[in-house]
Amino acid sequence: MKERREKIGLLPDELGRKRDDLFKKYSIKVNIEPRAVMLINTPAVKVLYSIFIRKTRKNVFLTYNPVTRALDPLVCQGCGKSITSIYFCDDLHLLCSICSKKCPLC
């Protein structure tokens, strides 16, 4: 009875070893390289938005995407990431919240 329990206790380990062995035997390596590219042109609307801060004016172009039916996010001039919350430094660089603490362009 005790031997039988020991053998039953060893079954999960043996199953794992067999599974690993089968994976090593029958695995294949596949390299995938893109062979074609599809370019899709969709009409888009560019909106000129004038921002006045103090006595200074900054023009920002917003793009309306008809596929998503929303404005595309702007890009931080400091780090290049997409932003939805806009910040400006004293020289009116368009920045994200992280870059707004210390403008990398100034």
Protein backbone atom coordinates (compact mmCIF):
# COMPACT_ATOMS: atom_id res chain seq x y z
CA MET A 1 0.00 0.00 0.00
CA LYS A 2 2.82 2.42 0.92
CA GLU A 3 4.69 1.64 -2.32
CA ARG A 4 1.58 2.33 -4.33
CA ARG A 5 1.14 5.79 -2.73
CA GLU A 6 4.79 6.62 -3.43
CA LYS A 7 4.34 5.64 -7.09
CA ILE A 8 1.18 7.75 -7.35
CA GLY A 9 3.04 10.66 -5.75
CA LEU A 10 5.76 10.43 -8.42
CA LEU A 11 3.29 10.55 -11.35
CA PRO A 12 3.12 14.39 -11.69
CA ASP A 13 6.93 14.65 -11.88
CA GLU A 14 7.10 11.86 -14.46
CA LEU A 15 4.33 13.47 -16.50
CA GLY A 16 6.24 16.77 -16.50
CA ARG A 17 9.45 15.06 -17.67
CA LYS A 18 7.62 13.23 -20.45
CA ARG A 19 5.93 16.44 -21.58
CA ASP A 20 9.28 18.27 -21.68
CA ASP A 21 10.85 15.37 -23.61
CA LEU A 22 8.04 15.39 -26.19
CA PHE A 23 8.29 19.16 -26.51
CA LYS A 24 12.04 18.90 -27.20
CA LYS A 25 11.60 16.04 -29.70
CA TYR A 26 8.79 17.48 -31.76
CA SER A 27 9.32 21.24 -31.54
CA ILE A 28 10.19 23.13 -34.68
CA LYS A 29 11.63 26.59 -35.05
CA VAL A 30 9.82 28.94 -37.39
CA ASN A 31 11.24 32.24 -38.61
CA ILE A 32 8.64 34.68 -39.91
CA GLU A 33 9.53 37.62 -42.09
CA PRO A 34 7.02 40.10 -43.50
CA ARG A 35 6.74 39.83 -47.28
CA ALA A 36 4.00 42.31 -48.09
CA VAL A 37 2.72 45.63 -46.85
CA MET A 38 -0.70 47.08 -47.40
CA LEU A 39 -1.10 50.84 -47.51
CA ILE A 40 -4.55 52.16 -46.75
CA ASN A 41 -5.29 55.81 -47.48
CA THR A 42 -8.15 57.38 -45.61
CA PRO A 43 -9.21 60.99 -45.73
CA ALA A 44 -8.37 63.02 -42.66
CA VAL A 45 -9.22 66.52 -41.56
CA LYS A 46 -6.53 68.79 -40.14
CA VAL A 47 -7.78 71.39 -37.70
CA LEU A 48 -5.72 74.48 -36.94
CA TYR A 49 -6.03 75.37 -33.29
CA SER A 50 -4.61 78.69 -32.07
CA ILE A 51 -3.55 78.78 -28.46
CA PHE A 52 -2.94 82.08 -26.70
CA ILE A 53 -0.83 82.06 -23.56
CA ARG A 54 -0.30 85.49 -22.12
CA LYS A 55 0.45 87.58 -25.21
CA THR A 56 2.03 84.75 -27.16
CA ARG A 57 0.28 82.70 -29.80
CA LYS A 58 1.00 79.06 -30.72
CA ASN A 59 -0.64 77.21 -33.61
CA VAL A 60 -1.29 73.51 -33.09
CA PHE A 61 -2.57 71.18 -35.79
CA LEU A 62 -5.05 68.55 -34.65
CA THR A 63 -5.96 65.64 -36.94
CA TYR A 64 -9.45 64.19 -37.00
CA ASN A 65 -9.35 60.48 -37.78
CA PRO A 66 -12.57 59.35 -39.53
CA VAL A 67 -11.83 55.68 -38.80
CA THR A 68 -11.78 56.15 -35.02
CA ARG A 69 -14.08 59.19 -35.19
CA ALA A 70 -11.85 61.06 -32.78
CA LEU A 71 -8.94 63.46 -32.73
CA ASP A 72 -5.55 61.76 -32.90
CA PRO A 73 -3.44 62.39 -29.82
CA LEU A 74 -0.74 65.03 -29.99
CA VAL A 75 2.95 64.21 -29.65
CA CYS A 76 5.19 65.54 -26.90
CA GLN A 77 7.99 67.61 -28.42
CA GLY A 78 10.29 66.55 -25.59
CA CYS A 79 10.06 62.75 -25.59
CA GLY A 80 7.93 61.95 -28.67
CA LYS A 81 5.20 60.06 -26.79
CA SER A 82 1.48 60.47 -27.45
CA ILE A 83 -0.25 62.83 -25.07
CA THR A 84 -3.82 63.68 -24.18
CA SER A 85 -3.00 66.21 -21.45
CA ILE A 86 -1.14 69.21 -22.85
CA TYR A 87 1.49 71.26 -21.04
CA PHE A 88 3.64 74.14 -22.26
CA CYS A 89 7.00 75.48 -21.13
CA ASP A 90 7.87 79.20 -21.22
CA ASP A 91 8.95 78.86 -24.89
CA LEU A 92 5.60 77.19 -25.70
CA HIS A 93 6.95 73.72 -26.46
CA LEU A 94 4.15 71.16 -26.47
CA LEU A 95 4.97 68.73 -23.62
CA CYS A 96 3.66 65.78 -21.63
CA SER A 97 3.29 65.94 -17.85
CA ILE A 98 6.73 64.36 -17.25
CA CYS A 99 8.61 66.68 -19.65
CA SER A 100 6.73 69.73 -18.37
CA LYS A 101 8.68 69.60 -15.09
CA LYS A 102 11.91 70.35 -16.97
CA CYS A 103 11.62 71.01 -20.69
CA PRO A 104 14.26 68.98 -22.60
CA LEU A 105 14.18 71.46 -25.48
CA CYS A 106 14.92 74.61 -23.48
